Amino acid sequence: MYQIIMIIHVLTAICLIALVLVQQGKGATMGAAFGSGASQTVFGSRGSGSFLLKVTISFVALFFATSIFLNRMVTASIKQENQISLPDAVQPHQEEGKISPNSVPMPGQK
């Protein structure tokens, strides 16, 4: 699941970068206003703002959603790894005639 979300995250980032680079700045048609040439109207007379803006906003929302989801997954896995659990009390098995290091009596004990 982590790999699938990571692939979607990377592809979304690449598409987001491409969309931002394709869009024109606000002052891109200033030269056309003073007669230096025709404005670049590839996406129609209204410009590329409406369609590309909606697509960019959707990719931004997807990018943020995958970022938050990946953060939650990694945080949950780290919390599971860092839990300290004490081992259960183990009773040493003693065989007759053998002395194990754990069964050596302390001074004052019999």
C-alpha atoms as a PDB file:
ATOM      1  CA  MET A   1       0.000   0.000   0.000  1.00  0.00           C
ATOM      2  CA  TYR A   2       2.864   2.357   0.849  1.00  0.00           C
ATOM      3  CA  GLN A   3       4.487   1.851  -2.560  1.00  0.00           C
ATOM      4  CA  ILE A   4       1.249   2.556  -4.436  1.00  0.00           C
ATOM      5  CA  ILE A   5       0.664   5.791  -2.540  1.00  0.00           C
ATOM      6  CA  MET A   6       4.307   6.788  -3.065  1.00  0.00           C
ATOM      7  CA  ILE A   7       4.028   6.214  -6.834  1.00  0.00           C
ATOM      8  CA  ILE A   8       0.850   8.318  -6.967  1.00  0.00           C
ATOM      9  CA  HIS A   9       2.604  11.003  -4.912  1.00  0.00           C
ATOM     10  CA  VAL A  10       5.625  11.176  -7.237  1.00  0.00           C
ATOM     11  CA  LEU A  11       3.489  11.189 -10.400  1.00  0.00           C
ATOM     12  CA  THR A  12       1.316  13.933  -8.929  1.00  0.00           C
ATOM     13  CA  ALA A  13       4.408  15.999  -8.136  1.00  0.00           C
ATOM     14  CA  ILE A  14       5.720  15.601 -11.697  1.00  0.00           C
ATOM     15  CA  CYS A  15       2.344  16.581 -13.192  1.00  0.00           C
ATOM     16  CA  LEU A  16       2.107  19.542 -10.846  1.00  0.00           C
ATOM     17  CA  ILE A  17       5.543  20.798 -11.868  1.00  0.00           C
ATOM     18  CA  ALA A  18       4.674  20.403 -15.553  1.00  0.00           C
ATOM     19  CA  LEU A  19       1.378  22.262 -15.146  1.00  0.00           C
ATOM     20  CA  VAL A  20       3.008  25.162 -13.338  1.00  0.00           C
ATOM     21  CA  LEU A  21       5.663  25.446 -16.046  1.00  0.00           C
ATOM     22  CA  VAL A  22       3.057  25.419 -18.834  1.00  0.00           C
ATOM     23  CA  GLN A  23       1.027  28.266 -17.354  1.00  0.00           C
ATOM     24  CA  GLN A  24       1.844  31.845 -18.221  1.00  0.00           C
ATOM     25  CA  GLY A  25       2.513  34.552 -15.725  1.00  0.00           C
ATOM     26  CA  LYS A  26       0.138  37.488 -15.222  1.00  0.00           C
ATOM     27  CA  GLY A  27       2.336  39.869 -17.186  1.00  0.00           C
ATOM     28  CA  ALA A  28       3.028  37.505 -20.090  1.00  0.00           C
ATOM     29  CA  THR A  29       0.808  39.375 -22.578  1.00  0.00           C
ATOM     30  CA  MET A  30       1.992  42.850 -21.662  1.00  0.00           C
ATOM     31  CA  GLY A  31       4.052  43.074 -24.854  1.00  0.00           C
ATOM     32  CA  ALA A  32       0.975  42.454 -26.982  1.00  0.00           C
ATOM     33  CA  ALA A  33      -0.817  45.365 -25.366  1.00  0.00           C
ATOM     34  CA  PHE A  34       1.789  47.811 -26.691  1.00  0.00           C
ATOM     35  CA  GLY A  35       1.770  46.463 -30.233  1.00  0.00           C
ATOM     36  CA  SER A  36       4.836  44.252 -30.231  1.00  0.00           C
ATOM     37  CA  GLY A  37       2.975  41.246 -31.548  1.00  0.00           C
ATOM     38  CA  ALA A  38      -0.024  39.045 -31.089  1.00  0.00           C
ATOM     39  CA  SER A  39      -0.735  37.635 -27.688  1.00  0.00           C
ATOM     40  CA  GLN A  40      -0.281  33.923 -27.224  1.00  0.00           C
ATOM     41  CA  THR A  41      -3.812  32.594 -27.278  1.00  0.00           C
ATOM     42  CA  VAL A  42      -3.284  28.865 -27.525  1.00  0.00           C
ATOM     43  CA  PHE A  43      -6.141  28.118 -25.122  1.00  0.00           C
ATOM     44  CA  GLY A  44      -8.568  30.654 -26.552  1.00  0.00           C
ATOM     45  CA  SER A  45      -9.165  34.358 -26.051  1.00  0.00           C
ATOM     46  CA  ARG A  46      -9.909  33.980 -22.361  1.00  0.00           C
ATOM     47  CA  GLY A  47      -6.571  32.306 -21.728  1.00  0.00           C
ATOM     48  CA  SER A  48      -5.475  29.181 -20.006  1.00  0.00           C
ATOM     49  CA  GLY A  49      -6.499  30.336 -16.546  1.00  0.00           C
ATOM     50  CA  SER A  50      -9.788  28.578 -16.062  1.00  0.00           C
ATOM     51  CA  PHE A  51      -8.991  25.052 -17.285  1.00  0.00           C
ATOM     52  CA  LEU A  52      -5.358  24.827 -16.191  1.00  0.00           C
ATOM     53  CA  LEU A  53      -6.132  26.454 -12.864  1.00  0.00           C
ATOM     54  CA  LYS A  54      -8.758  23.822 -12.045  1.00  0.00           C
ATOM     55  CA  VAL A  55      -6.436  20.982 -13.049  1.00  0.00           C
ATOM     56  CA  THR A  56      -3.595  22.490 -11.017  1.00  0.00           C
ATOM     57  CA  ILE A  57      -5.801  22.887  -7.943  1.00  0.00           C
ATOM     58  CA  SER A  58      -6.920  19.261  -8.229  1.00  0.00           C
ATOM     59  CA  PHE A  59      -3.305  18.065  -8.451  1.00  0.00           C
ATOM     60  CA  VAL A  60      -2.383  20.243  -5.459  1.00  0.00           C
ATOM     61  CA  ALA A  61      -5.228  18.714  -3.429  1.00  0.00           C
ATOM     62  CA  LEU A  62      -4.139  15.189  -4.431  1.00  0.00           C
ATOM     63  CA  PHE A  63      -0.516  16.010  -3.580  1.00  0.00           C
ATOM     64  CA  PHE A  64      -1.457  17.258  -0.108  1.00  0.00           C
ATOM     65  CA  ALA A  65      -3.723  14.277   0.513  1.00  0.00           C
ATOM     66  CA  THR A  66      -1.010  11.778  -0.411  1.00  0.00           C
ATOM     67  CA  SER A  67       1.510  13.721   1.696  1.00  0.00           C
ATOM     68  CA  ILE A  68      -0.706  13.532   4.760  1.00  0.00           C
ATOM     69  CA  PHE A  69      -1.543   9.867   4.163  1.00  0.00           C
ATOM     70  CA  LEU A  70       2.145   8.917   3.757  1.00  0.00           C
ATOM     71  CA  ASN A  71       2.976  10.860   6.925  1.00  0.00           C
ATOM     72  CA  ARG A  72       0.308   8.978   8.888  1.00  0.00           C
ATOM     73  CA  MET A  73       1.526   5.598   7.586  1.00  0.00           C
ATOM     74  CA  VAL A  74       5.160   6.275   8.467  1.00  0.00           C
ATOM     75  CA  THR A  75       4.272   7.684  11.892  1.00  0.00           C
ATOM     76  CA  ALA A  76       2.173   4.632  12.725  1.00  0.00           C
ATOM     77  CA  SER A  77       4.941   2.242  11.681  1.00  0.00           C
ATOM     78  CA  ILE A  78       7.558   4.113  13.722  1.00  0.00           C
ATOM     79  CA  LYS A  79       5.316   4.103  16.798  1.00  0.00           C
ATOM     80  CA  GLN A  80       4.872   0.336  16.487  1.00  0.00           C
ATOM     81  CA  GLU A  81       8.631  -0.212  16.228  1.00  0.00           C
ATOM     82  CA  ASN A  82       9.454   1.998  19.210  1.00  0.00           C
ATOM     83  CA  GLN A  83       7.068   0.402  21.680  1.00  0.00           C
ATOM     84  CA  ILE A  84       8.890  -1.007  24.657  1.00  0.00           C
ATOM     85  CA  SER A  85       7.541  -4.311  25.799  1.00  0.00           C
ATOM     86  CA  LEU A  86       8.897  -6.070  28.835  1.00  0.00           C
ATOM     87  CA  PRO A  87       9.442  -9.794  28.546  1.00  0.00           C
ATOM     88  CA  ASP A  88       7.311 -12.106  30.603  1.00  0.00           C
ATOM     89  CA  ALA A  89       8.829 -13.471  33.770  1.00  0.00           C
ATOM     90  CA  VAL A  90      10.540 -16.718  32.860  1.00  0.00           C
ATOM     91  CA  GLN A  91      10.936 -19.433  35.451  1.00  0.00           C
ATOM     92  CA  PRO A  92      14.309 -21.167  35.024  1.00  0.00           C
ATOM     93  CA  HIS A  93      14.084 -24.905  34.479  1.00  0.00           C
ATOM     94  CA  GLN A  94      16.386 -26.765  36.802  1.00  0.00           C
ATOM     95  CA  GLU A  95      17.457 -30.280  36.195  1.00  0.00           C
ATOM     96  CA  GLU A  96      18.557 -32.370  39.116  1.00  0.00           C
ATOM     97  CA  GLY A  97      22.266 -32.363  39.653  1.00  0.00           C
ATOM     98  CA  LYS A  98      23.006 -29.431  37.319  1.00  0.00           C
ATOM     99  CA  ILE A  99      23.578 -25.921  38.506  1.00  0.00           C
ATOM    100  CA  SER A 100      22.808 -23.182  36.082  1.00  0.00           C
ATOM    101  CA  PRO A 101      24.199 -19.683  36.542  1.00  0.00           C
ATOM    102  CA  ASN A 102      20.682 -18.401  37.212  1.00  0.00           C
ATOM    103  CA  SER A 103      20.063 -20.856  40.005  1.00  0.00           C
ATOM    104  CA  VAL A 104      23.134 -20.087  42.101  1.00  0.00           C
ATOM    105  CA  PRO A 105      21.924 -19.160  45.569  1.00  0.00           C
ATOM    106  CA  MET A 106      22.671 -15.680  46.797  1.00  0.00           C
ATOM    107  CA  PRO A 107      24.652 -15.314  50.013  1.00  0.00           C
ATOM    108  CA  GLY A 108      22.360 -15.907  52.940  1.00  0.00           C
ATOM    109  CA  GLN A 109      20.003 -18.141  50.940  1.00  0.00           C
ATOM    110  CA  LYS A 110      19.830 -21.903  51.047  1.00  0.00           C
END
